[in-house]
């Protein structure tokens, strides 16, 4: 069995601390993404719902096109926000055992 030199031990400790720091930053970023999704989804749901209710009413062709544009763009934002859900911590990134 080969013993580690003090320099190797110091380098290993430095790298381990750096990995821990990156893991914490990744966890913080995932938390931020979750908060952003929540903050966007709430008003977006209201906007989409109102556009859909408006489309149930009798509208001029011009007003209907505008309401449809609002609905389609709200759905587009909803899809983009949904993609943020896929951003998550890689398996084993936090509390990795050495």
Protein backbone atom coordinates (compact mmCIF):
# COMPACT_ATOMS: atom_id res chain seq x y z
CA UNK A 1 0.00 0.00 0.00
CA UNK A 2 1.40 3.35 -1.03
CA UNK A 3 1.32 6.20 1.49
CA UNK A 4 0.28 9.67 0.42
CA UNK A 5 2.67 12.55 0.72
CA UNK A 6 1.58 15.69 2.61
CA UNK A 7 1.36 17.47 -0.74
CA UNK A 8 -1.00 14.77 -2.09
CA UNK A 9 -3.09 14.98 1.08
CA UNK A 10 -3.33 18.77 0.81
CA UNK A 11 -4.30 18.57 -2.85
CA UNK A 12 -6.95 15.94 -2.08
CA UNK A 13 -8.37 18.13 0.72
CA UNK A 14 -8.41 21.15 -1.58
CA UNK A 15 -10.18 19.23 -4.35
CA UNK A 16 -12.66 17.78 -1.89
CA UNK A 17 -13.51 21.25 -0.58
CA UNK A 18 -13.89 22.52 -4.13
CA UNK A 19 -16.28 19.67 -5.00
CA UNK A 20 -18.32 20.39 -1.87
CA UNK A 21 -18.48 24.07 -2.82
CA UNK A 22 -19.66 23.24 -6.34
CA UNK A 23 -22.26 20.81 -4.99
CA UNK A 24 -23.63 23.51 -2.69
CA UNK A 25 -23.76 26.00 -5.57
CA UNK A 26 -25.60 23.42 -7.68
CA UNK A 27 -28.11 22.81 -4.89
CA UNK A 28 -28.60 26.57 -4.49
CA UNK A 29 -29.18 26.93 -8.23
CA UNK A 30 -31.77 24.11 -8.19
CA UNK A 31 -33.58 25.85 -5.33
CA UNK A 32 -33.55 29.14 -7.23
CA UNK A 33 -34.94 27.46 -10.35
CA UNK A 34 -37.77 25.95 -8.29
CA UNK A 35 -38.61 29.37 -6.82
CA UNK A 36 -38.55 31.01 -10.25
CA UNK A 37 -40.85 28.35 -11.69
CA UNK A 38 -43.30 28.86 -8.85
CA UNK A 39 -43.26 32.64 -9.17
CA UNK A 40 -43.85 32.48 -12.93
CA UNK A 41 -46.46 29.71 -12.86
CA UNK A 42 -48.87 31.45 -10.49
CA UNK A 43 -49.54 34.60 -12.56
CA UNK A 44 -49.20 32.58 -15.76
CA UNK A 45 -52.03 30.25 -14.72
CA UNK A 46 -54.26 33.28 -14.08
CA UNK A 47 -53.32 34.83 -17.42
CA UNK A 48 -53.97 31.61 -19.33
CA UNK A 49 -57.25 31.02 -17.52
CA UNK A 50 -58.50 34.53 -18.26
CA UNK A 51 -57.57 34.20 -21.94
CA UNK A 52 -59.40 30.88 -22.15
CA UNK A 53 -62.49 32.35 -20.45
CA UNK A 54 -62.40 35.27 -22.86
CA UNK A 55 -62.29 32.88 -25.82
CA UNK A 56 -65.61 31.36 -24.64
CA UNK A 57 -67.32 34.71 -25.17
CA UNK A 58 -68.63 36.22 -28.37
CA UNK A 59 -65.81 38.32 -29.74
CA UNK A 60 -65.04 40.20 -32.88
CA UNK A 61 -62.61 38.41 -35.15
CA UNK A 62 -59.89 40.90 -34.22
CA UNK A 63 -60.47 40.44 -30.48
CA UNK A 64 -60.58 36.65 -30.87
CA UNK A 65 -57.20 36.69 -32.65
CA UNK A 66 -55.74 38.79 -29.86
CA UNK A 67 -57.09 36.47 -27.18
CA UNK A 68 -55.77 33.46 -29.10
CA UNK A 69 -52.35 35.12 -29.29
CA UNK A 70 -52.38 35.70 -25.54
CA UNK A 71 -53.39 32.07 -24.97
CA UNK A 72 -50.76 30.63 -27.33
CA UNK A 73 -47.97 32.77 -25.91
CA UNK A 74 -48.99 31.88 -22.34
CA UNK A 75 -48.87 28.19 -23.31
CA UNK A 76 -45.44 28.77 -24.83
CA UNK A 77 -44.20 30.29 -21.55
CA UNK A 78 -45.78 27.36 -19.70
CA UNK A 79 -43.76 24.92 -21.84
CA UNK A 80 -40.53 26.83 -21.24
CA UNK A 81 -41.13 26.90 -17.50
CA UNK A 82 -41.93 23.18 -17.67
CA UNK A 83 -38.51 22.56 -19.20
CA UNK A 84 -36.93 24.13 -16.12
CA UNK A 85 -38.43 21.25 -14.13
CA UNK A 86 -35.97 18.97 -15.90
CA UNK A 87 -33.08 20.85 -14.32
CA UNK A 88 -32.27 18.92 -11.22
CA UNK A 89 -29.33 17.71 -9.23
CA UNK A 90 -27.45 14.83 -10.80
CA UNK A 91 -27.83 11.59 -8.84
CA UNK A 92 -25.29 11.43 -6.03
CA UNK A 93 -24.16 15.04 -6.38
CA UNK A 94 -25.08 15.94 -2.83
CA UNK A 95 -23.79 14.02 0.15
CA UNK A 96 -21.47 12.01 -2.03
CA UNK A 97 -19.51 9.53 0.01
CA UNK A 98 -15.75 9.44 -0.55
